[in-house]
Amino acid sequence: MGARMWLAGLVAVLAVLVGGGPAAAHSDLASSDPEDGAVLAQPPTSVAFTFNESLLPQGNAITLTDTASGQRLTVAAADVDGDTVSVPWPQAAPAGQYRAAYRVVSADGHPIAGSITFTVQAGASASPDPSASASAPTATPTPAPSAGAPVATPVDTPLASPQPAAAPGSDADANMAVWALGVGVLVLGSVGAATWYARRARRA
């Protein structure tokens, strides 16, 4: 009797565990757009992941990485609509292979992460810089003289006549003449004074 009760209890516990299994399961990825491994002739309008149940509106993110260079592209914030999370495709992304990784939060609060890869054969092309052509100077052609137009004749400008250089000894001679004149005046003055004193002494 005890063995039967023990076996019945074990069966009941197993039934509870098996029956509660699906309720405790987390969200699973149902599909993606683009699909994993897809080769696209044109860039997609968005990258989206759809799960088997609704997601929480917070804590979700999608990243895009160029697998060749390892560079992560700048994308907008992830948008959640029920069971789907998506981001718009960045218009400046070039052609190449990309890895789209997602991290979402299921309804029970459990985070889920995964990734897919796909190839885009066409991408954004670099547009020419208009400032480069605007800044380049344009050579203005010089008009050729017409057959009947007078040709300007260059005018010779007369050179300034050279000024005669002063003789090296001219200044010295002038200074010597002034000095001699001064000495002569002093001598004459001295002689006149001596004569005047001599005459005065005789009269006395």
C-alpha atoms as a PDB file:
ATOM      1  CA  MET A   1       0.000   0.000   0.000  1.00  0.00           C
ATOM      2  CA  GLY A   2       2.828   2.380   0.886  1.00  0.00           C
ATOM      3  CA  ALA A   3       4.614   1.607  -2.388  1.00  0.00           C
ATOM      4  CA  ARG A   4       1.472   2.421  -4.361  1.00  0.00           C
ATOM      5  CA  MET A   5       1.024   5.760  -2.606  1.00  0.00           C
ATOM      6  CA  TRP A   6       4.654   6.637  -3.201  1.00  0.00           C
ATOM      7  CA  LEU A   7       4.333   5.787  -6.907  1.00  0.00           C
ATOM      8  CA  ALA A   8       1.142   7.844  -7.221  1.00  0.00           C
ATOM      9  CA  GLY A   9       2.820  10.846  -5.638  1.00  0.00           C
ATOM     10  CA  LEU A  10       5.791  10.577  -8.012  1.00  0.00           C
ATOM     11  CA  VAL A  11       3.417  10.471 -11.015  1.00  0.00           C
ATOM     12  CA  ALA A  12       1.620  13.580  -9.742  1.00  0.00           C
ATOM     13  CA  VAL A  13       4.878  15.478  -9.342  1.00  0.00           C
ATOM     14  CA  LEU A  14       5.965  14.525 -12.864  1.00  0.00           C
ATOM     15  CA  ALA A  15       2.609  15.642 -14.242  1.00  0.00           C
ATOM     16  CA  VAL A  16       2.986  19.033 -12.582  1.00  0.00           C
ATOM     17  CA  LEU A  17       6.525  19.473 -13.904  1.00  0.00           C
ATOM     18  CA  VAL A  18       5.592  18.426 -17.432  1.00  0.00           C
ATOM     19  CA  GLY A  19       2.444  20.522 -17.436  1.00  0.00           C
ATOM     20  CA  GLY A  20       4.279  23.609 -16.184  1.00  0.00           C
ATOM     21  CA  GLY A  21       7.084  23.265 -18.724  1.00  0.00           C
ATOM     22  CA  PRO A  22       5.535  25.325 -21.559  1.00  0.00           C
ATOM     23  CA  ALA A  23       4.387  28.067 -19.161  1.00  0.00           C
ATOM     24  CA  ALA A  24       7.936  28.465 -17.847  1.00  0.00           C
ATOM     25  CA  ALA A  25       9.534  28.488 -21.328  1.00  0.00           C
ATOM     26  CA  HIS A  26      11.169  31.697 -22.586  1.00  0.00           C
ATOM     27  CA  SER A  27      10.564  33.480 -25.871  1.00  0.00           C
ATOM     28  CA  ASP A  28      12.087  31.953 -28.982  1.00  0.00           C
ATOM     29  CA  LEU A  29      12.930  33.598 -32.298  1.00  0.00           C
ATOM     30  CA  ALA A  30      10.215  32.719 -34.797  1.00  0.00           C
ATOM     31  CA  SER A  31      11.523  34.587 -37.891  1.00  0.00           C
ATOM     32  CA  SER A  32      13.726  37.440 -39.059  1.00  0.00           C
ATOM     33  CA  ASP A  33      13.678  39.913 -41.919  1.00  0.00           C
ATOM     34  CA  PRO A  34      16.094  39.564 -43.694  1.00  0.00           C
ATOM     35  CA  GLU A  35      16.426  35.818 -43.135  1.00  0.00           C
ATOM     36  CA  ASP A  36      19.643  34.343 -41.818  1.00  0.00           C
ATOM     37  CA  GLY A  37      22.106  33.874 -44.721  1.00  0.00           C
ATOM     38  CA  ALA A  38      20.044  35.951 -47.185  1.00  0.00           C
ATOM     39  CA  VAL A  39      21.715  37.748 -50.124  1.00  0.00           C
ATOM     40  CA  LEU A  40      19.929  40.992 -50.974  1.00  0.00           C
ATOM     41  CA  ALA A  41      20.328  42.878 -54.252  1.00  0.00           C
ATOM     42  CA  GLN A  42      19.161  46.096 -52.548  1.00  0.00           C
ATOM     43  CA  PRO A  43      19.420  47.256 -48.926  1.00  0.00           C
ATOM     44  CA  PRO A  44      16.437  46.327 -46.737  1.00  0.00           C
ATOM     45  CA  THR A  45      14.157  49.023 -45.349  1.00  0.00           C
ATOM     46  CA  SER A  46      14.574  47.623 -41.827  1.00  0.00           C
ATOM     47  CA  VAL A  47      15.922  44.721 -39.809  1.00  0.00           C
ATOM     48  CA  ALA A  48      13.238  42.940 -37.759  1.00  0.00           C
ATOM     49  CA  PHE A  49      13.040  39.934 -35.419  1.00  0.00           C
ATOM     50  CA  THR A  50       9.740  38.249 -34.549  1.00  0.00           C
ATOM     51  CA  PHE A  51       9.351  35.984 -31.497  1.00  0.00           C
ATOM     52  CA  ASN A  52       6.757  33.446 -30.389  1.00  0.00           C
ATOM     53  CA  GLU A  53       5.368  35.754 -27.693  1.00  0.00           C
ATOM     54  CA  SER A  54       5.172  39.441 -26.841  1.00  0.00           C
ATOM     55  CA  LEU A  55       8.212  41.314 -25.588  1.00  0.00           C
ATOM     56  CA  LEU A  56       8.619  43.857 -22.844  1.00  0.00           C
ATOM     57  CA  PRO A  57       8.917  47.406 -24.277  1.00  0.00           C
ATOM     58  CA  GLN A  58      12.132  48.173 -22.380  1.00  0.00           C
ATOM     59  CA  GLY A  59      15.618  46.714 -22.574  1.00  0.00           C
ATOM     60  CA  ASN A  60      15.597  45.708 -26.248  1.00  0.00           C
ATOM     61  CA  ALA A  61      18.359  46.484 -28.743  1.00  0.00           C
ATOM     62  CA  ILE A  62      19.565  45.581 -32.235  1.00  0.00           C
ATOM     63  CA  THR A  63      23.117  46.144 -33.502  1.00  0.00           C
ATOM     64  CA  LEU A  64      24.531  45.988 -37.042  1.00  0.00           C
ATOM     65  CA  THR A  65      28.192  45.122 -37.638  1.00  0.00           C
ATOM     66  CA  ASP A  66      30.149  45.045 -40.897  1.00  0.00           C
ATOM     67  CA  THR A  67      31.769  41.600 -40.713  1.00  0.00           C
ATOM     68  CA  ALA A  68      34.635  42.559 -43.064  1.00  0.00           C
ATOM     69  CA  SER A  69      35.856  45.561 -41.070  1.00  0.00           C
ATOM     70  CA  GLY A  70      34.310  44.768 -37.693  1.00  0.00           C
ATOM     71  CA  GLN A  71      32.851  48.283 -37.598  1.00  0.00           C
ATOM     72  CA  ARG A  72      29.511  48.710 -35.855  1.00  0.00           C
ATOM     73  CA  LEU A  73      27.030  50.922 -37.660  1.00  0.00           C
ATOM     74  CA  THR A  74      25.027  53.625 -35.934  1.00  0.00           C
ATOM     75  CA  VAL A  75      21.353  52.637 -35.838  1.00  0.00           C
ATOM     76  CA  ALA A  76      18.218  54.096 -34.277  1.00  0.00           C
ATOM     77  CA  ALA A  77      16.712  52.833 -31.045  1.00  0.00           C
ATOM     78  CA  ALA A  78      14.905  49.503 -31.331  1.00  0.00           C
ATOM     79  CA  ASP A  79      11.133  49.717 -31.777  1.00  0.00           C
ATOM     80  CA  VAL A  80       8.961  47.022 -30.155  1.00  0.00           C
ATOM     81  CA  ASP A  81       5.521  46.166 -31.557  1.00  0.00           C
ATOM     82  CA  GLY A  82       4.039  43.208 -29.658  1.00  0.00           C
ATOM     83  CA  ASP A  83       6.251  40.237 -30.521  1.00  0.00           C
ATOM     84  CA  THR A  84       8.443  42.076 -33.076  1.00  0.00           C
ATOM     85  CA  VAL A  85      11.485  44.280 -32.521  1.00  0.00           C
ATOM     86  CA  SER A  86      12.996  46.260 -35.421  1.00  0.00           C
ATOM     87  CA  VAL A  87      15.311  49.107 -36.453  1.00  0.00           C
ATOM     88  CA  PRO A  88      15.371  51.061 -39.757  1.00  0.00           C
ATOM     89  CA  TRP A  89      18.264  50.306 -42.108  1.00  0.00           C
ATOM     90  CA  PRO A  90      20.930  53.055 -41.995  1.00  0.00           C
ATOM     91  CA  GLN A  91      20.939  54.811 -45.383  1.00  0.00           C
ATOM     92  CA  ALA A  92      24.707  55.424 -45.311  1.00  0.00           C
ATOM     93  CA  ALA A  93      25.587  51.719 -44.983  1.00  0.00           C
ATOM     94  CA  PRO A  94      27.747  50.430 -47.864  1.00  0.00           C
ATOM     95  CA  ALA A  95      27.421  47.060 -49.561  1.00  0.00           C
ATOM     96  CA  GLY A  96      28.842  44.070 -47.710  1.00  0.00           C
ATOM     97  CA  GLN A  97      28.078  41.286 -45.253  1.00  0.00           C
ATOM     98  CA  TYR A  98      26.444  42.254 -41.974  1.00  0.00           C
ATOM     99  CA  ARG A  99      25.772  40.619 -38.653  1.00  0.00           C
ATOM    100  CA  ALA A 100      22.519  41.706 -36.979  1.00  0.00           C
ATOM    101  CA  ALA A 101      22.492  40.910 -33.279  1.00  0.00           C
ATOM    102  CA  TYR A 102      19.470  41.266 -31.007  1.00  0.00           C
ATOM    103  CA  ARG A 103      18.941  41.384 -27.276  1.00  0.00           C
ATOM    104  CA  VAL A 104      15.320  41.372 -26.153  1.00  0.00           C
ATOM    105  CA  VAL A 105      13.406  40.860 -22.911  1.00  0.00           C
ATOM    106  CA  SER A 106      10.640  38.261 -22.949  1.00  0.00           C
ATOM    107  CA  ALA A 107       7.330  38.694 -21.167  1.00  0.00           C
ATOM    108  CA  ASP A 108       8.626  36.879 -18.071  1.00  0.00           C
ATOM    109  CA  GLY A 109      11.557  39.345 -17.855  1.00  0.00           C
ATOM    110  CA  HIS A 110      14.198  36.926 -19.138  1.00  0.00           C
ATOM    111  CA  PRO A 111      16.732  38.429 -21.608  1.00  0.00           C
ATOM    112  CA  ILE A 112      17.301  36.626 -24.901  1.00  0.00           C
ATOM    113  CA  ALA A 113      20.188  37.244 -27.318  1.00  0.00           C
ATOM    114  CA  GLY A 114      21.141  35.961 -30.754  1.00  0.00           C
ATOM    115  CA  SER A 115      22.292  37.044 -34.215  1.00  0.00           C
ATOM    116  CA  ILE A 116      21.961  36.420 -37.940  1.00  0.00           C
ATOM    117  CA  THR A 117      24.137  37.290 -40.950  1.00  0.00           C
ATOM    118  CA  PHE A 118      23.141  38.467 -44.423  1.00  0.00           C
ATOM    119  CA  THR A 119      24.740  40.153 -47.434  1.00  0.00           C
ATOM    120  CA  VAL A 120      23.756  43.401 -49.149  1.00  0.00           C
ATOM    121  CA  GLN A 121      25.055  43.684 -52.709  1.00  0.00           C
ATOM    122  CA  ALA A 122      24.246  47.394 -53.193  1.00  0.00           C
ATOM    123  CA  GLY A 123      24.900  50.211 -50.759  1.00  0.00           C
ATOM    124  CA  ALA A 124      25.160  53.954 -50.420  1.00  0.00           C
ATOM    125  CA  SER A 125      27.495  55.608 -52.950  1.00  0.00           C
ATOM    126  CA  ALA A 126      29.656  58.563 -51.999  1.00  0.00           C
ATOM    127  CA  SER A 127      28.310  61.797 -53.463  1.00  0.00           C
ATOM    128  CA  PRO A 128      30.782  64.363 -54.862  1.00  0.00           C
ATOM    129  CA  ASP A 129      31.638  67.245 -52.619  1.00  0.00           C
ATOM    130  CA  PRO A 130      30.201  70.437 -54.218  1.00  0.00           C
ATOM    131  CA  SER A 131      32.546  72.641 -52.227  1.00  0.00           C
ATOM    132  CA  ALA A 132      35.575  71.123 -53.979  1.00  0.00           C
ATOM    133  CA  SER A 133      34.524  72.367 -57.416  1.00  0.00           C
ATOM    134  CA  ALA A 134      33.336  75.703 -56.053  1.00  0.00           C
ATOM    135  CA  SER A 135      36.660  76.415 -54.376  1.00  0.00           C
ATOM    136  CA  ALA A 136      38.842  75.549 -57.393  1.00  0.00           C
ATOM    137  CA  PRO A 137      40.002  78.723 -59.174  1.00  0.00           C
ATOM    138  CA  THR A 138      39.115  79.015 -62.856  1.00  0.00           C
ATOM    139  CA  ALA A 139      41.737  80.428 -65.197  1.00  0.00           C
ATOM    140  CA  THR A 140      40.498  83.408 -67.189  1.00  0.00           C
ATOM    141  CA  PRO A 141      41.780  83.320 -70.792  1.00  0.00           C
ATOM    142  CA  THR A 142      43.578  86.439 -71.977  1.00  0.00           C
ATOM    143  CA  PRO A 143      41.935  87.812 -75.160  1.00  0.00           C
ATOM    144  CA  ALA A 144      44.225  87.973 -78.187  1.00  0.00           C
ATOM    145  CA  PRO A 145      44.623  91.437 -79.759  1.00  0.00           C
ATOM    146  CA  SER A 146      42.606  91.967 -82.918  1.00  0.00           C
ATOM    147  CA  ALA A 147      44.310  92.502 -86.258  1.00  0.00           C
ATOM    148  CA  GLY A 148      43.541  96.262 -86.409  1.00  0.00           C
ATOM    149  CA  ALA A 149      44.124  97.086 -82.754  1.00  0.00           C
ATOM    150  CA  PRO A 150      47.163  99.275 -82.019  1.00  0.00           C
ATOM    151  CA  VAL A 151      49.964  97.566 -80.186  1.00  0.00           C
ATOM    152  CA  ALA A 152      51.158  99.408 -77.105  1.00  0.00           C
ATOM    153  CA  THR A 153      54.820 100.340 -77.337  1.00  0.00           C
ATOM    154  CA  PRO A 154      56.785 100.217 -74.103  1.00  0.00           C
ATOM    155  CA  VAL A 155      57.992 103.649 -72.998  1.00  0.00           C
ATOM    156  CA  ASP A 156      61.577 103.969 -71.856  1.00  0.00           C
ATOM    157  CA  THR A 157      61.788 105.781 -68.555  1.00  0.00           C
ATOM    158  CA  PRO A 158      64.909 107.991 -68.383  1.00  0.00           C
ATOM    159  CA  LEU A 159      67.219 107.085 -65.611  1.00  0.00           C
ATOM    160  CA  ALA A 160      68.066 109.721 -63.020  1.00  0.00           C
ATOM    161  CA  SER A 161      71.372 111.433 -63.784  1.00  0.00           C
ATOM    162  CA  PRO A 162      74.042 110.523 -61.311  1.00  0.00           C
ATOM    163  CA  GLN A 163      74.982 113.253 -58.845  1.00  0.00           C
ATOM    164  CA  PRO A 164      78.661 114.082 -58.616  1.00  0.00           C
ATOM    165  CA  ALA A 165      80.185 112.715 -55.500  1.00  0.00           C
ATOM    166  CA  ALA A 166      81.814 115.162 -53.139  1.00  0.00           C
ATOM    167  CA  ALA A 167      85.592 115.172 -53.119  1.00  0.00           C
ATOM    168  CA  PRO A 168      86.990 113.388 -50.118  1.00  0.00           C
ATOM    169  CA  GLY A 169      88.986 116.414 -48.908  1.00  0.00           C
ATOM    170  CA  SER A 170      86.418 119.187 -49.505  1.00  0.00           C
ATOM    171  CA  ASP A 171      85.047 119.169 -45.978  1.00  0.00           C
ATOM    172  CA  ALA A 172      88.528 119.098 -44.456  1.00  0.00           C
ATOM    173  CA  ASP A 173      89.664 122.076 -46.566  1.00  0.00           C
ATOM    174  CA  ALA A 174      86.630 124.120 -45.543  1.00  0.00           C
ATOM    175  CA  ASN A 175      87.262 123.415 -41.886  1.00  0.00           C
ATOM    176  CA  MET A 176      90.917 124.364 -42.245  1.00  0.00           C
ATOM    177  CA  ALA A 177      90.024 127.691 -43.904  1.00  0.00           C
ATOM    178  CA  VAL A 178      87.663 128.606 -41.099  1.00  0.00           C
ATOM    179  CA  TRP A 179      90.271 127.710 -38.490  1.00  0.00           C
ATOM    180  CA  ALA A 180      92.957 129.825 -40.259  1.00  0.00           C
ATOM    181  CA  LEU A 181      90.596 132.788 -40.504  1.00  0.00           C
ATOM    182  CA  GLY A 182      89.886 132.577 -36.802  1.00  0.00           C
ATOM    183  CA  VAL A 183      93.551 132.452 -35.945  1.00  0.00           C
ATOM    184  CA  GLY A 184      94.210 135.464 -38.175  1.00  0.00           C
ATOM    185  CA  VAL A 185      91.497 137.474 -36.453  1.00  0.00           C
ATOM    186  CA  LEU A 186      92.994 136.649 -33.052  1.00  0.00           C
ATOM    187  CA  VAL A 187      96.491 137.634 -34.157  1.00  0.00           C
ATOM    188  CA  LEU A 188      95.330 140.946 -35.628  1.00  0.00           C
ATOM    189  CA  GLY A 189      93.357 141.681 -32.503  1.00  0.00           C
ATOM    190  CA  SER A 190      96.378 140.974 -30.313  1.00  0.00           C
ATOM    191  CA  VAL A 191      98.634 143.197 -32.417  1.00  0.00           C
ATOM    192  CA  GLY A 192      96.112 146.060 -32.340  1.00  0.00           C
ATOM    193  CA  ALA A 193      95.736 145.797 -28.593  1.00  0.00           C
ATOM    194  CA  ALA A 194      99.501 145.834 -28.068  1.00  0.00           C
ATOM    195  CA  THR A 195      99.906 148.916 -30.264  1.00  0.00           C
ATOM    196  CA  TRP A 196      97.155 150.737 -28.409  1.00  0.00           C
ATOM    197  CA  TYR A 197      98.743 150.056 -25.034  1.00  0.00           C
ATOM    198  CA  ALA A 198     102.155 151.170 -26.316  1.00  0.00           C
ATOM    199  CA  ARG A 199     100.864 154.502 -27.584  1.00  0.00           C
ATOM    200  CA  ARG A 200      99.032 155.161 -24.373  1.00  0.00           C
ATOM    201  CA  ALA A 201     102.127 154.480 -22.358  1.00  0.00           C
ATOM    202  CA  ARG A 202     104.177 156.993 -24.392  1.00  0.00           C
ATOM    203  CA  ARG A 203     101.624 159.749 -23.882  1.00  0.00           C
ATOM    204  CA  ALA A 204     101.652 159.195 -20.195  1.00  0.00           C
END
